[in-house]
Amino acid sequence: MNVILGGFAMVCVFPFIYVIMISLTDEKTLAANGFQIIPEKWSPAAYQYLWAMKDQLFQSYFITILVTILGTLISVMTISFYAYAISRKQFLYRKFFTFLAFFTMLFGGGLVPFYIVATQVLQLKNTIWALILPLVVNAFYILIMRTFFIRSVPESVLESARIDGASEWRIFFQIVLPLSLPGIATIALFSTLGYWNDWFNALLFIDNPTLVPLQSLLMKVEGNLEFIRQNALTNGQQAGILTAIPQDAAKMAMVVISTLPIAIAYPFFQKYFVSGLTIGSVKE
């Protein structure tokens, strides 16, 4: 079983290792030999190419990290409040608000109304909140946390706290949240991945270069590389430009720098993440 699980883990890790190897391969070697696990010739040219735009890259990194931290905190708190309320039988309107959350999983207003509300009603265009607010509430995560609160937070414990005179706020922050760390960490990980990988909201709402997140910047860089390649193929005089730019290696380098930070952060969530997925799976 250990050999099987180790092989499966290697299959999961291997693509990322492969991408790192390609990003460190010389572009001419890639053109001649294709992708190789162990490159015939190593080259840091792809990372040097990205380092040339380090000012914008660091700015985009800062925006992405800021959006991810703020967005995850706001999202986790909002989802926890909503899910805790609809998980308690004392809340008279819990069925209505549960249906309200579930309804949004089935039907949406569409892209045009979403854009109009965000830009003309909420005035979010070219603000950092345009990258945070659209992803704050996720109905699926609400239902997950609702189930977690029902199964993992005994009503008898909450009733004892009420008898002792604790308010609902104190019960939530001092009793419910400590008992719900696995579920909250699971939702936090999902939200972190969502914010870190988000590029679509930046495409819709962000024109200011100082507010462009990392994923959106890398998409623009990749688009510019493709534009140069297409023009170089139709213009022989620009062939030298094409060979001087590490296109394939640069694309893989972009994958590495956008994935590596979140991959490093994942082990810190892993213990809670596994607990959150398995909690309630065994019933007595």
C-alpha atoms as a PDB file:
ATOM      1  CA  MET A   1       0.000   0.000   0.000  1.00  0.00           C
ATOM      2  CA  ASN A   2       2.862   2.377   0.792  1.00  0.00           C
ATOM      3  CA  VAL A   3       4.422   1.683  -2.613  1.00  0.00           C
ATOM      4  CA  ILE A   4       1.082   2.293  -4.355  1.00  0.00           C
ATOM      5  CA  LEU A   5       0.445   5.541  -2.483  1.00  0.00           C
ATOM      6  CA  GLY A   6       4.038   6.654  -3.054  1.00  0.00           C
ATOM      7  CA  GLY A   7       3.671   5.999  -6.777  1.00  0.00           C
ATOM      8  CA  PHE A   8       0.399   7.920  -6.860  1.00  0.00           C
ATOM      9  CA  ALA A   9       2.023  10.844  -5.020  1.00  0.00           C
ATOM     10  CA  MET A  10       4.870  10.843  -7.531  1.00  0.00           C
ATOM     11  CA  VAL A  11       2.393  10.915 -10.411  1.00  0.00           C
ATOM     12  CA  CYS A  12       0.802  13.989  -8.824  1.00  0.00           C
ATOM     13  CA  VAL A  13       4.119  15.769  -8.179  1.00  0.00           C
ATOM     14  CA  PHE A  14       5.829  14.806 -11.439  1.00  0.00           C
ATOM     15  CA  PRO A  15       4.046  17.346 -13.730  1.00  0.00           C
ATOM     16  CA  PHE A  16       5.208  20.245 -11.576  1.00  0.00           C
ATOM     17  CA  ILE A  17       8.799  18.928 -11.504  1.00  0.00           C
ATOM     18  CA  TYR A  18       8.584  18.507 -15.272  1.00  0.00           C
ATOM     19  CA  VAL A  19       7.461  22.127 -15.684  1.00  0.00           C
ATOM     20  CA  ILE A  20      10.411  23.320 -13.563  1.00  0.00           C
ATOM     21  CA  MET A  21      12.825  21.337 -15.739  1.00  0.00           C
ATOM     22  CA  ILE A  22      11.368  22.803 -18.938  1.00  0.00           C
ATOM     23  CA  SER A  23      11.571  26.338 -17.537  1.00  0.00           C
ATOM     24  CA  LEU A  24      15.322  25.817 -16.983  1.00  0.00           C
ATOM     25  CA  THR A  25      15.948  24.410 -20.468  1.00  0.00           C
ATOM     26  CA  ASP A  26      17.686  26.348 -23.230  1.00  0.00           C
ATOM     27  CA  GLU A  27      15.164  27.529 -25.848  1.00  0.00           C
ATOM     28  CA  LYS A  28      17.196  26.224 -28.799  1.00  0.00           C
ATOM     29  CA  THR A  29      17.432  22.840 -27.112  1.00  0.00           C
ATOM     30  CA  LEU A  30      13.659  22.838 -26.689  1.00  0.00           C
ATOM     31  CA  ALA A  31      13.201  23.622 -30.359  1.00  0.00           C
ATOM     32  CA  ALA A  32      15.609  20.876 -31.414  1.00  0.00           C
ATOM     33  CA  ASN A  33      14.796  18.086 -28.941  1.00  0.00           C
ATOM     34  CA  GLY A  34      11.384  18.964 -27.543  1.00  0.00           C
ATOM     35  CA  PHE A  35      10.518  18.645 -23.865  1.00  0.00           C
ATOM     36  CA  GLN A  36      12.900  16.470 -21.846  1.00  0.00           C
ATOM     37  CA  ILE A  37      12.912  15.419 -18.215  1.00  0.00           C
ATOM     38  CA  ILE A  38      16.657  16.072 -17.979  1.00  0.00           C
ATOM     39  CA  PRO A  39      17.581  18.919 -20.337  1.00  0.00           C
ATOM     40  CA  GLU A  40      20.555  18.568 -22.630  1.00  0.00           C
ATOM     41  CA  LYS A  41      21.438  22.202 -21.974  1.00  0.00           C
ATOM     42  CA  TRP A  42      20.376  24.225 -18.952  1.00  0.00           C
ATOM     43  CA  SER A  43      19.552  27.928 -19.163  1.00  0.00           C
ATOM     44  CA  PRO A  44      18.044  30.521 -16.780  1.00  0.00           C
ATOM     45  CA  ALA A  45      17.054  32.721 -19.757  1.00  0.00           C
ATOM     46  CA  ALA A  46      13.334  32.349 -19.068  1.00  0.00           C
ATOM     47  CA  TYR A  47      13.673  33.702 -15.539  1.00  0.00           C
ATOM     48  CA  GLN A  48      16.023  36.438 -16.743  1.00  0.00           C
ATOM     49  CA  TYR A  49      13.370  37.448 -19.271  1.00  0.00           C
ATOM     50  CA  LEU A  50      10.756  37.709 -16.503  1.00  0.00           C
ATOM     51  CA  TRP A  51      13.254  39.470 -14.218  1.00  0.00           C
ATOM     52  CA  ALA A  52      13.523  42.246 -16.792  1.00  0.00           C
ATOM     53  CA  MET A  53       9.990  43.249 -15.818  1.00  0.00           C
ATOM     54  CA  LYS A  54      10.648  42.792 -12.097  1.00  0.00           C
ATOM     55  CA  ASP A  55       9.056  46.098 -11.037  1.00  0.00           C
ATOM     56  CA  GLN A  56       5.687  45.220 -12.518  1.00  0.00           C
ATOM     57  CA  LEU A  57       6.100  41.602 -11.430  1.00  0.00           C
ATOM     58  CA  PHE A  58       6.717  42.525  -7.790  1.00  0.00           C
ATOM     59  CA  GLN A  59       3.816  44.994  -7.882  1.00  0.00           C
ATOM     60  CA  SER A  60       1.513  42.280  -9.220  1.00  0.00           C
ATOM     61  CA  TYR A  61       2.796  39.856  -6.604  1.00  0.00           C
ATOM     62  CA  PHE A  62       2.014  42.407  -3.899  1.00  0.00           C
ATOM     63  CA  ILE A  63      -1.510  42.965  -5.249  1.00  0.00           C
ATOM     64  CA  THR A  64      -2.174  39.227  -5.476  1.00  0.00           C
ATOM     65  CA  ILE A  65      -0.893  38.565  -1.954  1.00  0.00           C
ATOM     66  CA  LEU A  66      -2.895  41.491  -0.554  1.00  0.00           C
ATOM     67  CA  VAL A  67      -6.068  40.425  -2.351  1.00  0.00           C
ATOM     68  CA  THR A  68      -5.581  36.800  -1.296  1.00  0.00           C
ATOM     69  CA  ILE A  69      -5.074  37.627   2.395  1.00  0.00           C
ATOM     70  CA  LEU A  70      -7.857  40.223   2.670  1.00  0.00           C
ATOM     71  CA  GLY A  71     -10.233  38.251   0.482  1.00  0.00           C
ATOM     72  CA  THR A  72      -9.687  34.997   2.377  1.00  0.00           C
ATOM     73  CA  LEU A  73     -10.230  36.644   5.773  1.00  0.00           C
ATOM     74  CA  ILE A  74     -13.387  38.443   4.662  1.00  0.00           C
ATOM     75  CA  SER A  75     -14.673  35.402   2.812  1.00  0.00           C
ATOM     76  CA  VAL A  76     -14.114  32.989   5.706  1.00  0.00           C
ATOM     77  CA  MET A  77     -15.786  35.292   8.211  1.00  0.00           C
ATOM     78  CA  THR A  78     -18.755  36.027   5.939  1.00  0.00           C
ATOM     79  CA  ILE A  79     -19.296  32.373   5.051  1.00  0.00           C
ATOM     80  CA  SER A  80     -18.909  31.317   8.703  1.00  0.00           C
ATOM     81  CA  PHE A  81     -21.480  33.892   9.887  1.00  0.00           C
ATOM     82  CA  TYR A  82     -23.986  32.890   7.236  1.00  0.00           C
ATOM     83  CA  ALA A  83     -23.451  29.138   7.657  1.00  0.00           C
ATOM     84  CA  TYR A  84     -23.638  29.270  11.463  1.00  0.00           C
ATOM     85  CA  ALA A  85     -26.914  31.198  11.367  1.00  0.00           C
ATOM     86  CA  ILE A  86     -28.649  28.744   9.018  1.00  0.00           C
ATOM     87  CA  SER A  87     -27.256  25.758  10.944  1.00  0.00           C
ATOM     88  CA  ARG A  88     -29.104  26.665  14.163  1.00  0.00           C
ATOM     89  CA  LYS A  89     -32.698  25.555  14.631  1.00  0.00           C
ATOM     90  CA  GLN A  90     -33.409  28.645  16.730  1.00  0.00           C
ATOM     91  CA  PHE A  91     -33.062  30.852  13.641  1.00  0.00           C
ATOM     92  CA  LEU A  92     -36.621  31.206  12.302  1.00  0.00           C
ATOM     93  CA  TYR A  93     -35.641  32.078   8.720  1.00  0.00           C
ATOM     94  CA  ARG A  94     -32.954  29.447   8.263  1.00  0.00           C
ATOM     95  CA  LYS A  95     -34.900  27.560   5.562  1.00  0.00           C
ATOM     96  CA  PHE A  96     -35.396  30.748   3.547  1.00  0.00           C
ATOM     97  CA  PHE A  97     -31.722  31.752   3.701  1.00  0.00           C
ATOM     98  CA  THR A  98     -30.606  28.190   2.984  1.00  0.00           C
ATOM     99  CA  PHE A  99     -32.771  28.175  -0.138  1.00  0.00           C
ATOM    100  CA  LEU A 100     -31.470  31.642  -1.042  1.00  0.00           C
ATOM    101  CA  ALA A 101     -27.890  30.361  -1.004  1.00  0.00           C
ATOM    102  CA  PHE A 102     -28.787  27.170  -2.859  1.00  0.00           C
ATOM    103  CA  PHE A 103     -30.752  29.086  -5.514  1.00  0.00           C
ATOM    104  CA  THR A 104     -27.640  31.014  -6.563  1.00  0.00           C
ATOM    105  CA  MET A 105     -25.934  27.700  -7.362  1.00  0.00           C
ATOM    106  CA  LEU A 106     -28.614  26.961  -9.956  1.00  0.00           C
ATOM    107  CA  PHE A 107     -29.282  30.367 -11.503  1.00  0.00           C
ATOM    108  CA  GLY A 108     -27.173  33.461 -12.132  1.00  0.00           C
ATOM    109  CA  GLY A 109     -27.888  36.907 -13.461  1.00  0.00           C
ATOM    110  CA  GLY A 110     -25.306  36.700 -16.238  1.00  0.00           C
ATOM    111  CA  LEU A 111     -22.142  38.588 -17.072  1.00  0.00           C
ATOM    112  CA  VAL A 112     -23.707  41.854 -18.274  1.00  0.00           C
ATOM    113  CA  PRO A 113     -25.806  42.513 -15.125  1.00  0.00           C
ATOM    114  CA  PHE A 114     -22.814  41.517 -13.000  1.00  0.00           C
ATOM    115  CA  TYR A 115     -20.608  44.042 -14.800  1.00  0.00           C
ATOM    116  CA  ILE A 116     -23.229  46.820 -14.588  1.00  0.00           C
ATOM    117  CA  VAL A 117     -23.790  46.289 -10.860  1.00  0.00           C
ATOM    118  CA  ALA A 118     -20.057  46.169 -10.125  1.00  0.00           C
ATOM    119  CA  THR A 119     -19.086  49.222 -12.182  1.00  0.00           C
ATOM    120  CA  GLN A 120     -22.127  51.531 -12.088  1.00  0.00           C
ATOM    121  CA  VAL A 121     -23.861  50.643  -8.836  1.00  0.00           C
ATOM    122  CA  LEU A 122     -20.969  49.658  -6.574  1.00  0.00           C
ATOM    123  CA  GLN A 123     -18.326  51.741  -8.410  1.00  0.00           C
ATOM    124  CA  LEU A 124     -15.698  49.009  -8.137  1.00  0.00           C
ATOM    125  CA  LYS A 125     -13.880  49.589 -11.414  1.00  0.00           C
ATOM    126  CA  ASN A 126     -10.143  50.129 -10.948  1.00  0.00           C
ATOM    127  CA  THR A 127     -10.313  49.468  -7.218  1.00  0.00           C
ATOM    128  CA  ILE A 128      -8.842  46.602  -5.267  1.00  0.00           C
ATOM    129  CA  TRP A 129     -12.334  45.714  -4.040  1.00  0.00           C
ATOM    130  CA  ALA A 130     -13.202  44.647  -7.581  1.00  0.00           C
ATOM    131  CA  LEU A 131     -10.793  41.751  -7.038  1.00  0.00           C
ATOM    132  CA  ILE A 132     -12.129  40.892  -3.563  1.00  0.00           C
ATOM    133  CA  LEU A 133     -15.897  41.371  -3.310  1.00  0.00           C
ATOM    134  CA  PRO A 134     -17.043  39.217  -6.280  1.00  0.00           C
ATOM    135  CA  LEU A 135     -15.483  36.121  -4.670  1.00  0.00           C
ATOM    136  CA  VAL A 136     -16.370  36.761  -1.029  1.00  0.00           C
ATOM    137  CA  VAL A 137     -19.500  34.595  -0.830  1.00  0.00           C
ATOM    138  CA  ASN A 138     -19.656  31.128  -2.336  1.00  0.00           C
ATOM    139  CA  ALA A 139     -22.914  29.211  -1.904  1.00  0.00           C
ATOM    140  CA  PHE A 140     -21.212  25.824  -2.095  1.00  0.00           C
ATOM    141  CA  TYR A 141     -18.824  26.741   0.721  1.00  0.00           C
ATOM    142  CA  ILE A 142     -21.777  28.004   2.789  1.00  0.00           C
ATOM    143  CA  LEU A 143     -23.519  24.650   2.505  1.00  0.00           C
ATOM    144  CA  ILE A 144     -20.308  22.827   3.396  1.00  0.00           C
ATOM    145  CA  MET A 145     -19.835  24.936   6.528  1.00  0.00           C
ATOM    146  CA  ARG A 146     -23.515  24.612   7.425  1.00  0.00           C
ATOM    147  CA  THR A 147     -23.199  20.824   7.400  1.00  0.00           C
ATOM    148  CA  PHE A 148     -19.949  21.072   9.355  1.00  0.00           C
ATOM    149  CA  PHE A 149     -21.536  23.225  12.068  1.00  0.00           C
ATOM    150  CA  ILE A 150     -24.536  20.879  12.363  1.00  0.00           C
ATOM    151  CA  ARG A 151     -22.389  17.747  12.717  1.00  0.00           C
ATOM    152  CA  SER A 152     -19.424  19.088  14.666  1.00  0.00           C
ATOM    153  CA  VAL A 153     -20.813  21.689  17.079  1.00  0.00           C
ATOM    154  CA  PRO A 154     -23.086  19.989  19.660  1.00  0.00           C
ATOM    155  CA  GLU A 155     -26.184  21.956  20.510  1.00  0.00           C
ATOM    156  CA  SER A 156     -25.804  20.933  24.157  1.00  0.00           C
ATOM    157  CA  VAL A 157     -22.504  22.823  24.383  1.00  0.00           C
ATOM    158  CA  LEU A 158     -24.083  25.982  22.995  1.00  0.00           C
ATOM    159  CA  GLU A 159     -27.081  25.623  25.280  1.00  0.00           C
ATOM    160  CA  SER A 160     -24.796  25.353  28.296  1.00  0.00           C
ATOM    161  CA  ALA A 161     -23.055  28.564  27.252  1.00  0.00           C
ATOM    162  CA  ARG A 162     -26.410  30.327  26.888  1.00  0.00           C
ATOM    163  CA  ILE A 163     -27.446  29.192  30.360  1.00  0.00           C
ATOM    164  CA  ASP A 164     -24.209  30.667  31.711  1.00  0.00           C
ATOM    165  CA  GLY A 165     -25.181  33.993  30.147  1.00  0.00           C
ATOM    166  CA  ALA A 166     -22.920  34.038  27.086  1.00  0.00           C
ATOM    167  CA  SER A 167     -24.098  36.132  24.144  1.00  0.00           C
ATOM    168  CA  GLU A 168     -24.344  34.716  20.633  1.00  0.00           C
ATOM    169  CA  TRP A 169     -21.234  36.666  19.597  1.00  0.00           C
ATOM    170  CA  ARG A 170     -19.236  35.248  22.490  1.00  0.00           C
ATOM    171  CA  ILE A 171     -20.516  31.731  21.770  1.00  0.00           C
ATOM    172  CA  PHE A 172     -19.524  32.042  18.131  1.00  0.00           C
ATOM    173  CA  PHE A 173     -16.018  33.403  18.677  1.00  0.00           C
ATOM    174  CA  GLN A 174     -15.020  31.487  21.827  1.00  0.00           C
ATOM    175  CA  ILE A 175     -16.783  28.158  21.319  1.00  0.00           C
ATOM    176  CA  VAL A 176     -17.909  27.626  17.735  1.00  0.00           C
ATOM    177  CA  LEU A 177     -14.793  28.851  15.924  1.00  0.00           C
ATOM    178  CA  PRO A 178     -12.281  26.835  18.025  1.00  0.00           C
ATOM    179  CA  LEU A 179     -14.377  23.697  17.483  1.00  0.00           C
ATOM    180  CA  SER A 180     -14.605  24.388  13.759  1.00  0.00           C
ATOM    181  CA  LEU A 181     -10.952  24.949  12.847  1.00  0.00           C
ATOM    182  CA  PRO A 182     -10.779  21.980  10.412  1.00  0.00           C
ATOM    183  CA  GLY A 183     -13.819  23.166   8.466  1.00  0.00           C
ATOM    184  CA  ILE A 184     -12.698  26.790   8.483  1.00  0.00           C
ATOM    185  CA  ALA A 185      -9.193  25.823   7.317  1.00  0.00           C
ATOM    186  CA  THR A 186     -10.719  23.814   4.485  1.00  0.00           C
ATOM    187  CA  ILE A 187     -12.838  26.746   3.339  1.00  0.00           C
ATOM    188  CA  ALA A 188      -9.867  29.091   3.789  1.00  0.00           C
ATOM    189  CA  LEU A 189      -7.765  26.891   1.508  1.00  0.00           C
ATOM    190  CA  PHE A 190     -10.464  26.840  -1.160  1.00  0.00           C
ATOM    191  CA  SER A 191     -10.882  30.621  -0.913  1.00  0.00           C
ATOM    192  CA  THR A 192      -7.118  31.185  -1.021  1.00  0.00           C
ATOM    193  CA  LEU A 193      -6.824  29.132  -4.202  1.00  0.00           C
ATOM    194  CA  GLY A 194      -9.750  31.006  -5.720  1.00  0.00           C
ATOM    195  CA  TYR A 195      -8.270  34.425  -5.033  1.00  0.00           C
ATOM    196  CA  TRP A 196      -4.741  33.433  -6.006  1.00  0.00           C
ATOM    197  CA  ASN A 197      -5.784  31.977  -9.375  1.00  0.00           C
ATOM    198  CA  ASP A 198      -8.364  34.631 -10.238  1.00  0.00           C
ATOM    199  CA  TRP A 199      -7.673  36.570 -13.418  1.00  0.00           C
ATOM    200  CA  PHE A 200     -11.158  37.090 -14.833  1.00  0.00           C
ATOM    201  CA  ASN A 201     -12.211  39.914 -12.500  1.00  0.00           C
ATOM    202  CA  ALA A 202      -8.995  41.778 -13.298  1.00  0.00           C
ATOM    203  CA  LEU A 203      -9.751  41.368 -16.995  1.00  0.00           C
ATOM    204  CA  LEU A 204     -13.192  42.923 -16.467  1.00  0.00           C
ATOM    205  CA  PHE A 205     -12.534  45.689 -13.976  1.00  0.00           C
ATOM    206  CA  ILE A 206      -8.826  46.617 -13.859  1.00  0.00           C
ATOM    207  CA  ASP A 207      -7.149  49.022 -16.294  1.00  0.00           C
ATOM    208  CA  ASN A 208      -4.701  50.563 -13.823  1.00  0.00           C
ATOM    209  CA  PRO A 209      -1.280  48.816 -14.177  1.00  0.00           C
ATOM    210  CA  THR A 210      -0.592  49.222 -10.457  1.00  0.00           C
ATOM    211  CA  LEU A 211      -3.635  47.061  -9.622  1.00  0.00           C
ATOM    212  CA  VAL A 212      -3.035  44.208 -12.072  1.00  0.00           C
ATOM    213  CA  PRO A 213      -2.725  40.891 -10.160  1.00  0.00           C
ATOM    214  CA  LEU A 214      -0.120  38.269 -10.927  1.00  0.00           C
ATOM    215  CA  GLN A 215      -2.284  35.873 -12.939  1.00  0.00           C
ATOM    216  CA  SER A 216      -3.585  38.655 -15.165  1.00  0.00           C
ATOM    217  CA  LEU A 217      -0.071  39.988 -15.727  1.00  0.00           C
ATOM    218  CA  LEU A 218       1.232  36.570 -16.725  1.00  0.00           C
ATOM    219  CA  MET A 219      -1.645  36.147 -19.168  1.00  0.00           C
ATOM    220  CA  LYS A 220      -0.715  39.473 -20.758  1.00  0.00           C
ATOM    221  CA  VAL A 221       2.926  38.421 -20.974  1.00  0.00           C
ATOM    222  CA  GLU A 222       1.936  35.157 -22.615  1.00  0.00           C
ATOM    223  CA  GLY A 223      -0.311  37.060 -25.034  1.00  0.00           C
ATOM    224  CA  ASN A 224       2.584  39.358 -25.945  1.00  0.00           C
ATOM    225  CA  LEU A 225       4.836  36.358 -26.566  1.00  0.00           C
ATOM    226  CA  GLU A 226       2.241  34.842 -28.867  1.00  0.00           C
ATOM    227  CA  PHE A 227       1.819  38.183 -30.669  1.00  0.00           C
ATOM    228  CA  ILE A 228       5.576  38.442 -31.248  1.00  0.00           C
ATOM    229  CA  ARG A 229       5.703  34.861 -32.488  1.00  0.00           C
ATOM    230  CA  GLN A 230       2.882  35.378 -34.982  1.00  0.00           C
ATOM    231  CA  ASN A 231       4.444  38.563 -36.347  1.00  0.00           C
ATOM    232  CA  ALA A 232       7.903  37.017 -36.527  1.00  0.00           C
ATOM    233  CA  LEU A 233       6.571  34.111 -38.573  1.00  0.00           C
ATOM    234  CA  THR A 234       5.155  36.521 -41.163  1.00  0.00           C
ATOM    235  CA  ASN A 235       8.163  38.814 -41.199  1.00  0.00           C
ATOM    236  CA  GLY A 236      11.583  37.304 -41.855  1.00  0.00           C
ATOM    237  CA  GLN A 237      13.349  40.392 -40.507  1.00  0.00           C
ATOM    238  CA  GLN A 238      11.907  39.723 -37.074  1.00  0.00           C
ATOM    239  CA  ALA A 239      13.076  36.112 -36.906  1.00  0.00           C
ATOM    240  CA  GLY A 240      15.996  37.176 -34.735  1.00  0.00           C
ATOM    241  CA  ILE A 241      13.570  38.585 -32.163  1.00  0.00           C
ATOM    242  CA  LEU A 242      11.721  35.287 -32.107  1.00  0.00           C
ATOM    243  CA  THR A 243      14.840  33.239 -31.405  1.00  0.00           C
ATOM    244  CA  ALA A 244      16.040  35.674 -28.737  1.00  0.00           C
ATOM    245  CA  ILE A 245      12.917  35.263 -26.601  1.00  0.00           C
ATOM    246  CA  PRO A 246      12.600  32.037 -24.570  1.00  0.00           C
ATOM    247  CA  GLN A 247       8.953  31.466 -25.439  1.00  0.00           C
ATOM    248  CA  ASP A 248       8.180  27.946 -24.233  1.00  0.00           C
ATOM    249  CA  ALA A 249      10.585  28.150 -21.305  1.00  0.00           C
ATOM    250  CA  ALA A 250       9.139  31.539 -20.322  1.00  0.00           C
ATOM    251  CA  LYS A 251       5.616  30.101 -20.296  1.00  0.00           C
ATOM    252  CA  MET A 252       6.742  27.322 -17.994  1.00  0.00           C
ATOM    253  CA  ALA A 253       8.604  29.815 -15.808  1.00  0.00           C
ATOM    254  CA  MET A 254       5.361  31.773 -15.466  1.00  0.00           C
ATOM    255  CA  VAL A 255       3.635  28.611 -14.287  1.00  0.00           C
ATOM    256  CA  VAL A 256       6.380  28.053 -11.712  1.00  0.00           C
ATOM    257  CA  ILE A 257       6.346  31.542 -10.205  1.00  0.00           C
ATOM    258  CA  SER A 258       2.547  31.605 -10.058  1.00  0.00           C
ATOM    259  CA  THR A 259       2.199  28.122  -8.536  1.00  0.00           C
ATOM    260  CA  LEU A 260       5.194  27.791  -6.226  1.00  0.00           C
ATOM    261  CA  PRO A 261       4.012  30.152  -3.417  1.00  0.00           C
ATOM    262  CA  ILE A 262       0.629  28.446  -3.069  1.00  0.00           C
ATOM    263  CA  ALA A 263       2.292  25.024  -3.235  1.00  0.00           C
ATOM    264  CA  ILE A 264       4.587  26.039  -0.369  1.00  0.00           C
ATOM    265  CA  ALA A 265       1.615  27.289   1.682  1.00  0.00           C
ATOM    266  CA  TYR A 266      -0.445  24.119   1.218  1.00  0.00           C
ATOM    267  CA  PRO A 267       1.402  21.937   3.802  1.00  0.00           C
ATOM    268  CA  PHE A 268       0.429  24.403   6.537  1.00  0.00           C
ATOM    269  CA  PHE A 269      -3.250  23.769   5.729  1.00  0.00           C
ATOM    270  CA  GLN A 270      -2.899  20.038   5.149  1.00  0.00           C
ATOM    271  CA  LYS A 271      -3.572  18.801   8.703  1.00  0.00           C
ATOM    272  CA  TYR A 272      -6.761  20.842   9.020  1.00  0.00           C
ATOM    273  CA  PHE A 273      -7.709  20.167   5.414  1.00  0.00           C
ATOM    274  CA  VAL A 274      -7.673  16.386   5.907  1.00  0.00           C
ATOM    275  CA  SER A 275      -9.597  16.714   9.182  1.00  0.00           C
ATOM    276  CA  GLY A 276     -12.166  18.923   7.517  1.00  0.00           C
ATOM    277  CA  LEU A 277     -12.761  16.431   4.738  1.00  0.00           C
ATOM    278  CA  THR A 278     -13.062  13.398   7.028  1.00  0.00           C
ATOM    279  CA  ILE A 279     -15.012  14.921   9.918  1.00  0.00           C
ATOM    280  CA  GLY A 280     -18.413  13.360  10.293  1.00  0.00           C
ATOM    281  CA  SER A 281     -17.568  10.421   8.033  1.00  0.00           C
ATOM    282  CA  VAL A 282     -17.797   8.019  10.991  1.00  0.00           C
ATOM    283  CA  LYS A 283     -21.046   7.936  12.924  1.00  0.00           C
ATOM    284  CA  GLU A 284     -21.561   6.321  16.295  1.00  0.00           C
END
